PDB file of N, CA and C in Angstrom:
ATOM      1  N   MET A   1       8.882   0.721 -37.871  1.00  0.00           N
ATOM      2  CA  MET A   1       7.413   0.182 -37.688  1.00  0.00           C
ATOM      3  C   MET A   1       6.870   0.787 -36.558  1.00  0.00           C
ATOM      4  N   ALA A   2       5.780   1.365 -36.571  1.00  0.00           N
ATOM      5  CA  ALA A   2       4.980   2.087 -35.562  1.00  0.00           C
ATOM      6  C   ALA A   2       4.418   1.072 -34.657  1.00  0.00           C
ATOM      7  N   PHE A   3       4.201   1.429 -33.399  1.00  0.00           N
ATOM      8  CA  PHE A   3       3.483   0.556 -32.440  1.00  0.00           C
ATOM      9  C   PHE A   3       2.093   0.427 -32.843  1.00  0.00           C
ATOM     10  N   GLU A   4       1.697  -0.891 -32.893  1.00  0.00           N
ATOM     11  CA  GLU A   4       0.267  -1.148 -33.229  1.00  0.00           C
ATOM     12  C   GLU A   4      -0.570  -1.332 -32.036  1.00  0.00           C
ATOM     13  N   LYS A   5      -1.684  -0.613 -31.906  1.00  0.00           N
ATOM     14  CA  LYS A   5      -2.616  -0.711 -30.809  1.00  0.00           C
ATOM     15  C   LYS A   5      -3.111  -2.192 -30.707  1.00  0.00           C
ATOM     16  N   GLY A   6      -3.093  -2.704 -29.455  1.00  0.00           N
ATOM     17  CA  GLY A   6      -3.542  -4.006 -29.242  1.00  0.00           C
ATOM     18  C   GLY A   6      -2.574  -5.136 -29.384  1.00  0.00           C
ATOM     19  N   ARG A   7      -1.403  -4.803 -29.869  1.00  0.00           N
ATOM     20  CA  ARG A   7      -0.332  -5.727 -30.004  1.00  0.00           C
ATOM     21  C   ARG A   7       0.215  -6.278 -28.664  1.00  0.00           C
ATOM     22  N   GLU A   8       0.462  -7.646 -28.675  1.00  0.00           N
ATOM     23  CA  GLU A   8       0.909  -8.256 -27.465  1.00  0.00           C
ATOM     24  C   GLU A   8       2.307  -7.741 -27.046  1.00  0.00           C
ATOM     25  N   LYS A   9       2.471  -7.501 -25.800  1.00  0.00           N
ATOM     26  CA  LYS A   9       3.783  -7.081 -25.192  1.00  0.00           C
ATOM     27  C   LYS A   9       4.825  -8.121 -25.272  1.00  0.00           C
ATOM     28  N   THR A  10       5.986  -7.921 -25.746  1.00  0.00           N
ATOM     29  CA  THR A  10       7.097  -8.793 -25.850  1.00  0.00           C
ATOM     30  C   THR A  10       8.259  -8.204 -25.138  1.00  0.00           C
ATOM     31  N   GLY A  11       9.067  -9.151 -24.393  1.00  0.00           N
ATOM     32  CA  GLY A  11      10.345  -8.665 -23.779  1.00  0.00           C
ATOM     33  C   GLY A  11      10.040  -7.901 -22.540  1.00  0.00           C
ATOM     34  N   GLY A  12      11.197  -7.471 -21.869  1.00  0.00           N
ATOM     35  CA  GLY A  12      11.079  -6.703 -20.668  1.00  0.00           C
ATOM     36  C   GLY A  12      10.547  -7.451 -19.445  1.00  0.00           C
ATOM     37  N   ARG A  13      10.438  -6.728 -18.376  1.00  0.00           N
ATOM     38  CA  ARG A  13      10.001  -7.388 -17.101  1.00  0.00           C
ATOM     39  C   ARG A  13       8.530  -7.668 -17.123  1.00  0.00           C
ATOM     40  N   LYS A  14       8.141  -8.706 -16.459  1.00  0.00           N
ATOM     41  CA  LYS A  14       6.748  -9.078 -16.361  1.00  0.00           C
ATOM     42  C   LYS A  14       6.046  -8.016 -15.481  1.00  0.00           C
ATOM     43  N   THR A  15       4.706  -7.794 -15.717  1.00  0.00           N
ATOM     44  CA  THR A  15       3.929  -6.828 -14.967  1.00  0.00           C
ATOM     45  C   THR A  15       3.966  -7.198 -13.552  1.00  0.00           C
ATOM     46  N   GLY A  16       4.246  -6.143 -12.797  1.00  0.00           N
ATOM     47  CA  GLY A  16       4.336  -6.312 -11.198  1.00  0.00           C
ATOM     48  C   GLY A  16       5.658  -6.749 -10.648  1.00  0.00           C
ATOM     49  N   SER A  17       6.629  -7.142 -11.516  1.00  0.00           N
ATOM     50  CA  SER A  17       7.857  -7.463 -10.967  1.00  0.00           C
ATOM     51  C   SER A  17       8.693  -6.220 -10.572  1.00  0.00           C
ATOM     52  N   THR A  18       9.416  -6.482  -9.523  1.00  0.00           N
ATOM     53  CA  THR A  18      10.242  -5.302  -9.103  1.00  0.00           C
ATOM     54  C   THR A  18      11.607  -5.282  -9.735  1.00  0.00           C
ATOM     55  N   ASN A  19      11.974  -4.028  -9.895  1.00  0.00           N
ATOM     56  CA  ASN A  19      13.340  -3.653 -10.357  1.00  0.00           C
ATOM     57  C   ASN A  19      14.403  -4.041  -9.396  1.00  0.00           C
ATOM     58  N   ARG A  20      15.508  -4.660  -9.909  1.00  0.00           N
ATOM     59  CA  ARG A  20      16.584  -5.174  -9.014  1.00  0.00           C
ATOM     60  C   ARG A  20      17.172  -4.003  -8.219  1.00  0.00           C
ATOM     61  N   ALA A  21      17.360  -2.996  -8.868  1.00  0.00           N
ATOM     62  CA  ALA A  21      17.919  -1.730  -8.074  1.00  0.00           C
ATOM     63  C   ALA A  21      16.989  -1.258  -6.951  1.00  0.00           C
ATOM     64  N   THR A  22      15.689  -1.323  -7.187  1.00  0.00           N
ATOM     65  CA  THR A  22      14.736  -1.080  -6.182  1.00  0.00           C
ATOM     66  C   THR A  22      14.829  -2.032  -5.065  1.00  0.00           C
ATOM     67  N   LEU A  23      14.939  -3.271  -5.288  1.00  0.00           N
ATOM     68  CA  LEU A  23      15.160  -4.229  -4.229  1.00  0.00           C
ATOM     69  C   LEU A  23      16.466  -4.073  -3.450  1.00  0.00           C
ATOM     70  N   ASP A  24      17.526  -3.666  -4.121  1.00  0.00           N
ATOM     71  CA  ASP A  24      18.704  -3.345  -3.497  1.00  0.00           C
ATOM     72  C   ASP A  24      18.569  -2.178  -2.509  1.00  0.00           C
ATOM     73  N   ILE A  25      17.987  -1.159  -3.047  1.00  0.00           N
ATOM     74  CA  ILE A  25      17.858   0.028  -2.181  1.00  0.00           C
ATOM     75  C   ILE A  25      16.932  -0.254  -0.977  1.00  0.00           C
ATOM     76  N   LYS A  26      15.803  -0.939  -1.147  1.00  0.00           N
ATOM     77  CA  LYS A  26      14.903  -1.303  -0.081  1.00  0.00           C
ATOM     78  C   LYS A  26      15.714  -2.122   0.946  1.00  0.00           C
ATOM     79  N   SER A  27      16.441  -3.141   0.544  1.00  0.00           N
ATOM     80  CA  SER A  27      17.036  -3.870   1.542  1.00  0.00           C
ATOM     81  C   SER A  27      18.172  -3.085   2.282  1.00  0.00           C
ATOM     82  N   LYS A  28      18.856  -2.110   1.609  1.00  0.00           N
ATOM     83  CA  LYS A  28      19.841  -1.442   2.277  1.00  0.00           C
ATOM     84  C   LYS A  28      19.128  -0.436   3.374  1.00  0.00           C
ATOM     85  N   ILE A  29      18.075   0.121   2.931  1.00  0.00           N
ATOM     86  CA  ILE A  29      17.257   0.988   3.888  1.00  0.00           C
ATOM     87  C   ILE A  29      16.839   0.188   5.057  1.00  0.00           C
ATOM     88  N   ALA A  30      16.212  -0.918   4.820  1.00  0.00           N
ATOM     89  CA  ALA A  30      15.763  -1.814   5.897  1.00  0.00           C
ATOM     90  C   ALA A  30      17.000  -2.170   6.819  1.00  0.00           C
ATOM     91  N   ALA A  31      18.121  -2.451   6.318  1.00  0.00           N
ATOM     92  CA  ALA A  31      19.262  -2.812   7.220  1.00  0.00           C
ATOM     93  C   ALA A  31      19.738  -1.563   7.986  1.00  0.00           C
ATOM     94  N   LEU A  32      19.776  -0.417   7.379  1.00  0.00           N
ATOM     95  CA  LEU A  32      20.131   0.929   8.104  1.00  0.00           C
ATOM     96  C   LEU A  32      19.211   1.047   9.125  1.00  0.00           C
ATOM     97  N   ILE A  33      17.985   1.075   8.990  1.00  0.00           N
ATOM     98  CA  ILE A  33      16.918   1.226  10.044  1.00  0.00           C
ATOM     99  C   ILE A  33      16.985   0.111  11.062  1.00  0.00           C
ATOM    100  N   ASP A  34      17.232  -1.124  10.764  1.00  0.00           N
ATOM    101  CA  ASP A  34      17.314  -2.153  11.672  1.00  0.00           C
ATOM    102  C   ASP A  34      18.671  -1.920  12.551  1.00  0.00           C
ATOM    103  N   ASN A  35      19.722  -1.424  12.028  1.00  0.00           N
ATOM    104  CA  ASN A  35      20.952  -1.176  12.795  1.00  0.00           C
ATOM    105  C   ASN A  35      20.873   0.025  13.580  1.00  0.00           C
ATOM    106  N   GLN A  36      20.008   0.940  13.238  1.00  0.00           N
ATOM    107  CA  GLN A  36      19.980   2.242  13.959  1.00  0.00           C
ATOM    108  C   GLN A  36      18.666   2.350  14.597  1.00  0.00           C
ATOM    109  N   PHE A  37      18.004   1.264  14.997  1.00  0.00           N
ATOM    110  CA  PHE A  37      16.593   1.402  15.541  1.00  0.00           C
ATOM    111  C   PHE A  37      16.541   2.029  16.900  1.00  0.00           C
ATOM    112  N   ASP A  38      17.528   1.635  17.803  1.00  0.00           N
ATOM    113  CA  ASP A  38      17.519   2.174  19.162  1.00  0.00           C
ATOM    114  C   ASP A  38      17.726   3.712  19.041  1.00  0.00           C
ATOM    115  N   SER A  39      18.627   4.119  18.198  1.00  0.00           N
ATOM    116  CA  SER A  39      18.924   5.627  17.945  1.00  0.00           C
ATOM    117  C   SER A  39      17.649   6.371  17.434  1.00  0.00           C
ATOM    118  N   ILE A  40      17.042   5.688  16.510  1.00  0.00           N
ATOM    119  CA  ILE A  40      15.740   6.272  15.886  1.00  0.00           C
ATOM    120  C   ILE A  40      14.645   6.413  16.919  1.00  0.00           C
ATOM    121  N   GLU A  41      14.516   5.342  17.709  1.00  0.00           N
ATOM    122  CA  GLU A  41      13.512   5.324  18.778  1.00  0.00           C
ATOM    123  C   GLU A  41      13.837   6.468  19.872  1.00  0.00           C
ATOM    124  N   ALA A  42      15.018   6.712  20.179  1.00  0.00           N
ATOM    125  CA  ALA A  42      15.463   7.784  21.134  1.00  0.00           C
ATOM    126  C   ALA A  42      15.237   9.089  20.570  1.00  0.00           C
ATOM    127  N   ASP A  43      15.443   9.262  19.206  1.00  0.00           N
ATOM    128  CA  ASP A  43      15.144  10.546  18.529  1.00  0.00           C
ATOM    129  C   ASP A  43      13.676  10.795  18.412  1.00  0.00           C
ATOM    130  N   LEU A  44      12.893   9.852  18.290  1.00  0.00           N
ATOM    131  CA  LEU A  44      11.420  10.015  18.326  1.00  0.00           C
ATOM    132  C   LEU A  44      10.936  10.542  19.688  1.00  0.00           C
ATOM    133  N   GLU A  45      11.523   9.868  20.707  1.00  0.00           N
ATOM    134  CA  GLU A  45      11.075  10.164  22.052  1.00  0.00           C
ATOM    135  C   GLU A  45      11.429  11.691  22.437  1.00  0.00           C
ATOM    136  N   ALA A  46      12.497  12.203  21.819  1.00  0.00           N
ATOM    137  CA  ALA A  46      12.885  13.481  22.104  1.00  0.00           C
ATOM    138  C   ALA A  46      12.066  14.563  21.412  1.00  0.00           C
ATOM    139  N   LEU A  47      11.277  14.121  20.377  1.00  0.00           N
ATOM    140  CA  LEU A  47      10.419  15.037  19.669  1.00  0.00           C
ATOM    141  C   LEU A  47       9.367  15.651  20.482  1.00  0.00           C
ATOM    142  N   GLU A  48       8.821  16.720  20.096  1.00  0.00           N
ATOM    143  CA  GLU A  48       7.616  17.294  20.686  1.00  0.00           C
ATOM    144  C   GLU A  48       6.405  16.369  20.318  1.00  0.00           C
ATOM    145  N   PRO A  49       5.430  16.270  21.267  1.00  0.00           N
ATOM    146  CA  PRO A  49       4.417  15.300  21.008  1.00  0.00           C
ATOM    147  C   PRO A  49       3.699  15.428  19.574  1.00  0.00           C
ATOM    148  N   LYS A  50       3.392  16.657  19.026  1.00  0.00           N
ATOM    149  CA  LYS A  50       2.862  16.859  17.775  1.00  0.00           C
ATOM    150  C   LYS A  50       3.646  16.282  16.683  1.00  0.00           C
ATOM    151  N   ASP A  51       5.091  16.575  16.894  1.00  0.00           N
ATOM    152  CA  ASP A  51       6.027  16.197  15.866  1.00  0.00           C
ATOM    153  C   ASP A  51       6.188  14.659  15.852  1.00  0.00           C
ATOM    154  N   ARG A  52       6.042  13.997  17.093  1.00  0.00           N
ATOM    155  CA  ARG A  52       6.263  12.563  17.256  1.00  0.00           C
ATOM    156  C   ARG A  52       5.040  11.920  16.521  1.00  0.00           C
ATOM    157  N   VAL A  53       3.836  12.404  16.747  1.00  0.00           N
ATOM    158  CA  VAL A  53       2.669  11.831  16.112  1.00  0.00           C
ATOM    159  C   VAL A  53       2.767  11.896  14.630  1.00  0.00           C
ATOM    160  N   ALA A  54       3.223  13.083  14.049  1.00  0.00           N
ATOM    161  CA  ALA A  54       3.436  13.320  12.702  1.00  0.00           C
ATOM    162  C   ALA A  54       4.392  12.242  12.113  1.00  0.00           C
ATOM    163  N   ALA A  55       5.466  12.004  12.871  1.00  0.00           N
ATOM    164  CA  ALA A  55       6.455  10.978  12.421  1.00  0.00           C
ATOM    165  C   ALA A  55       5.874   9.550  12.396  1.00  0.00           C
ATOM    166  N   TYR A  56       5.051   9.264  13.529  1.00  0.00           N
ATOM    167  CA  TYR A  56       4.380   7.935  13.535  1.00  0.00           C
ATOM    168  C   TYR A  56       3.482   7.826  12.352  1.00  0.00           C
ATOM    169  N   LEU A  57       2.649   8.845  12.035  1.00  0.00           N
ATOM    170  CA  LEU A  57       1.794   8.766  10.936  1.00  0.00           C
ATOM    171  C   LEU A  57       2.529   8.571   9.580  1.00  0.00           C
ATOM    172  N   LYS A  58       3.691   9.144   9.468  1.00  0.00           N
ATOM    173  CA  LYS A  58       4.480   8.976   8.244  1.00  0.00           C
ATOM    174  C   LYS A  58       4.944   7.529   8.125  1.00  0.00           C
ATOM    175  N   PHE A  59       5.410   6.963   9.255  1.00  0.00           N
ATOM    176  CA  PHE A  59       5.954   5.614   9.205  1.00  0.00           C
ATOM    177  C   PHE A  59       4.788   4.678   8.977  1.00  0.00           C
ATOM    178  N   MET A  60       3.645   4.911   9.381  1.00  0.00           N
ATOM    179  CA  MET A  60       2.448   4.043   9.147  1.00  0.00           C
ATOM    180  C   MET A  60       2.136   3.890   7.691  1.00  0.00           C
ATOM    181  N   GLU A  61       2.429   4.962   6.970  1.00  0.00           N
ATOM    182  CA  GLU A  61       2.164   4.928   5.526  1.00  0.00           C
ATOM    183  C   GLU A  61       2.903   3.736   4.881  1.00  0.00           C
ATOM    184  N   TYR A  62       4.061   3.279   5.417  1.00  0.00           N
ATOM    185  CA  TYR A  62       4.777   2.252   4.914  1.00  0.00           C
ATOM    186  C   TYR A  62       4.511   0.969   5.464  1.00  0.00           C
ATOM    187  N   VAL A  63       3.650   0.921   6.497  1.00  0.00           N
ATOM    188  CA  VAL A  63       3.278  -0.372   7.111  1.00  0.00           C
ATOM    189  C   VAL A  63       1.858  -0.815   6.907  1.00  0.00           C
ATOM    190  N   VAL A  64       0.855   0.172   7.027  1.00  0.00           N
ATOM    191  CA  VAL A  64      -0.440  -0.043   6.919  1.00  0.00           C
ATOM    192  C   VAL A  64      -0.843   0.350   5.349  1.00  0.00           C
ATOM    193  N   PRO A  65      -1.468  -0.681   4.719  1.00  0.00           N
ATOM    194  CA  PRO A  65      -1.857  -0.287   3.353  1.00  0.00           C
ATOM    195  C   PRO A  65      -2.852   0.770   3.307  1.00  0.00           C
ATOM    196  N   LYS A  66      -2.815   1.694   2.313  1.00  0.00           N
ATOM    197  CA  LYS A  66      -3.746   2.719   2.287  1.00  0.00           C
ATOM    198  C   LYS A  66      -4.976   2.157   1.710  1.00  0.00           C
ATOM    199  N   GLN A  67      -6.141   2.707   2.337  1.00  0.00           N
ATOM    200  CA  GLN A  67      -7.444   2.303   1.824  1.00  0.00           C
ATOM    201  C   GLN A  67      -7.907   2.989   0.634  1.00  0.00           C
ATOM    202  N   ARG A  68      -8.574   2.320  -0.291  1.00  0.00           N
ATOM    203  CA  ARG A  68      -9.053   3.020  -1.471  1.00  0.00           C
ATOM    204  C   ARG A  68     -10.493   2.862  -1.452  1.00  0.00           C
ATOM    205  N   GLU A  69     -11.130   3.850  -2.043  1.00  0.00           N
ATOM    206  CA  GLU A  69     -12.619   3.840  -2.189  1.00  0.00           C
ATOM    207  C   GLU A  69     -13.020   2.660  -3.170  1.00  0.00           C
ATOM    208  N   GLN A  70     -13.996   1.927  -2.801  1.00  0.00           N
ATOM    209  CA  GLN A  70     -14.494   0.919  -3.661  1.00  0.00           C
ATOM    210  C   GLN A  70     -15.760   1.386  -4.245  1.00  0.00           C
ATOM    211  N   LYS A  71     -15.864   1.418  -5.497  1.00  0.00           N
ATOM    212  CA  LYS A  71     -17.010   1.923  -6.325  1.00  0.00           C
ATOM    213  C   LYS A  71     -17.743   0.654  -6.945  1.00  0.00           C
ATOM    214  N   ILE A  72     -18.967   0.479  -6.693  1.00  0.00           N
ATOM    215  CA  ILE A  72     -19.720  -0.585  -7.220  1.00  0.00           C
ATOM    216  C   ILE A  72     -20.889  -0.016  -7.913  1.00  0.00           C
ATOM    217  N   ASP A  73     -21.153  -0.443  -9.194  1.00  0.00           N
ATOM    218  CA  ASP A  73     -22.341  -0.067  -9.870  1.00  0.00           C
ATOM    219  C   ASP A  73     -23.582  -0.964  -9.571  1.00  0.00           C
ATOM    220  N   LEU A  74     -24.235  -0.486  -8.624  1.00  0.00           N
ATOM    221  CA  LEU A  74     -25.362  -1.372  -8.115  1.00  0.00           C
ATOM    222  C   LEU A  74     -26.476  -1.578  -9.086  1.00  0.00           C
ATOM    223  N   SER A  75     -26.489  -0.797 -10.179  1.00  0.00           N
ATOM    224  CA  SER A  75     -27.604  -1.025 -11.139  1.00  0.00           C
ATOM    225  C   SER A  75     -27.313  -2.317 -11.916  1.00  0.00           C
ATOM    226  N   THR A  76     -26.222  -2.852 -11.809  1.00  0.00           N
ATOM    227  CA  THR A  76     -25.989  -4.023 -12.598  1.00  0.00           C
ATOM    228  C   THR A  76     -26.176  -5.329 -11.774  1.00  0.00           C
ATOM    229  N   LEU A  77     -26.429  -5.068 -10.519  1.00  0.00           N
ATOM    230  CA  LEU A  77     -26.567  -6.309  -9.468  1.00  0.00           C
ATOM    231  C   LEU A  77     -28.061  -6.563  -9.289  1.00  0.00           C
ATOM    232  N   THR A  78     -28.303  -7.852  -9.006  1.00  0.00           N
ATOM    233  CA  THR A  78     -29.604  -8.230  -8.618  1.00  0.00           C
ATOM    234  C   THR A  78     -29.870  -7.825  -7.169  1.00  0.00           C
ATOM    235  N   ASP A  79     -31.220  -7.829  -6.787  1.00  0.00           N
ATOM    236  CA  ASP A  79     -31.541  -7.533  -5.383  1.00  0.00           C
ATOM    237  C   ASP A  79     -30.735  -8.530  -4.366  1.00  0.00           C
ATOM    238  N   GLU A  80     -30.634  -9.760  -4.759  1.00  0.00           N
ATOM    239  CA  GLU A  80     -30.050 -10.773  -3.896  1.00  0.00           C
ATOM    240  C   GLU A  80     -28.689 -10.380  -3.778  1.00  0.00           C
ATOM    241  N   GLN A  81     -27.896 -10.014  -4.800  1.00  0.00           N
ATOM    242  CA  GLN A  81     -26.524  -9.672  -4.749  1.00  0.00           C
ATOM    243  C   GLN A  81     -26.250  -8.362  -3.894  1.00  0.00           C
ATOM    244  N   VAL A  82     -27.110  -7.471  -3.980  1.00  0.00           N
ATOM    245  CA  VAL A  82     -27.092  -6.287  -3.138  1.00  0.00           C
ATOM    246  C   VAL A  82     -27.312  -6.648  -1.714  1.00  0.00           C
ATOM    247  N   ASP A  83     -28.170  -7.440  -1.394  1.00  0.00           N
ATOM    248  CA  ASP A  83     -28.473  -7.858  -0.002  1.00  0.00           C
ATOM    249  C   ASP A  83     -27.272  -8.633   0.535  1.00  0.00           C
ATOM    250  N   ASP A  84     -26.620  -9.406  -0.322  1.00  0.00           N
ATOM    251  CA  ASP A  84     -25.545 -10.205   0.083  1.00  0.00           C
ATOM    252  C   ASP A  84     -24.297  -9.219   0.500  1.00  0.00           C
ATOM    253  N   LEU A  85     -24.082  -8.309  -0.445  1.00  0.00           N
ATOM    254  CA  LEU A  85     -23.043  -7.238  -0.058  1.00  0.00           C
ATOM    255  C   LEU A  85     -23.322  -6.499   1.173  1.00  0.00           C
ATOM    256  N   LEU A  86     -24.560  -6.118   1.393  1.00  0.00           N
ATOM    257  CA  LEU A  86     -24.951  -5.371   2.590  1.00  0.00           C
ATOM    258  C   LEU A  86     -24.679  -6.247   3.812  1.00  0.00           C
ATOM    259  N   ASN A  87     -25.107  -7.558   3.770  1.00  0.00           N
ATOM    260  CA  ASN A  87     -24.876  -8.414   4.882  1.00  0.00           C
ATOM    261  C   ASN A  87     -23.414  -8.599   5.183  1.00  0.00           C
ATOM    262  N   LYS A  88     -22.551  -8.647   4.152  1.00  0.00           N
ATOM    263  CA  LYS A  88     -21.110  -8.883   4.316  1.00  0.00           C
ATOM    264  C   LYS A  88     -20.613  -7.619   5.009  1.00  0.00           C
ATOM    265  N   ALA A  89     -21.008  -6.445   4.605  1.00  0.00           N
ATOM    266  CA  ALA A  89     -20.534  -5.175   5.082  1.00  0.00           C
ATOM    267  C   ALA A  89     -20.982  -4.993   6.543  1.00  0.00           C
ATOM    268  N   MET A  90     -22.139  -5.360   6.890  1.00  0.00           N
ATOM    269  CA  MET A  90     -22.635  -5.338   8.289  1.00  0.00           C
ATOM    270  C   MET A  90     -21.901  -6.328   9.171  1.00  0.00           C
ATOM    271  N   ALA A  91     -21.574  -7.342   8.579  1.00  0.00           N
ATOM    272  CA  ALA A  91     -20.924  -8.401   9.427  1.00  0.00           C
ATOM    273  C   ALA A  91     -19.525  -7.950   9.820  1.00  0.00           C
ATOM    274  N   LYS A  92     -18.908  -7.105   9.007  1.00  0.00           N
ATOM    275  CA  LYS A  92     -17.502  -6.585   9.256  1.00  0.00           C
ATOM    276  C   LYS A  92     -17.531  -5.550  10.374  1.00  0.00           C
ATOM    277  N   LEU A  93     -18.771  -4.891  10.575  1.00  0.00           N
ATOM    278  CA  LEU A  93     -18.936  -3.904  11.605  1.00  0.00           C
ATOM    279  C   LEU A  93     -19.105  -4.583  12.980  1.00  0.00           C
ATOM    280  N   ASP A  94     -19.509  -5.853  12.960  1.00  0.00           N
ATOM    281  CA  ASP A  94     -19.768  -6.452  14.256  1.00  0.00           C
ATOM    282  C   ASP A  94     -18.489  -6.829  14.926  1.00  0.00           C
TER     283      ASP A  94
END
């Protein structure tokens, strides 16, 4: 029987749930880093400044969420809604 378009999903993991193997690996990596933190910190200090900055930036990718561009079709919004969005954006700059 071929897969029918629009058919409801049955079985398997729920959307967004993490694979158990992935959780295992992540916890082992976290433990390794935790146990070797002083050594890693010393290794970073021994790097050239440009290499140290590159390493910090690489680490930040795992700590700070990446920003994504937000696209809004303003043609579907009322003038009041556009004003509200602008006010909220300006408030974040203050």
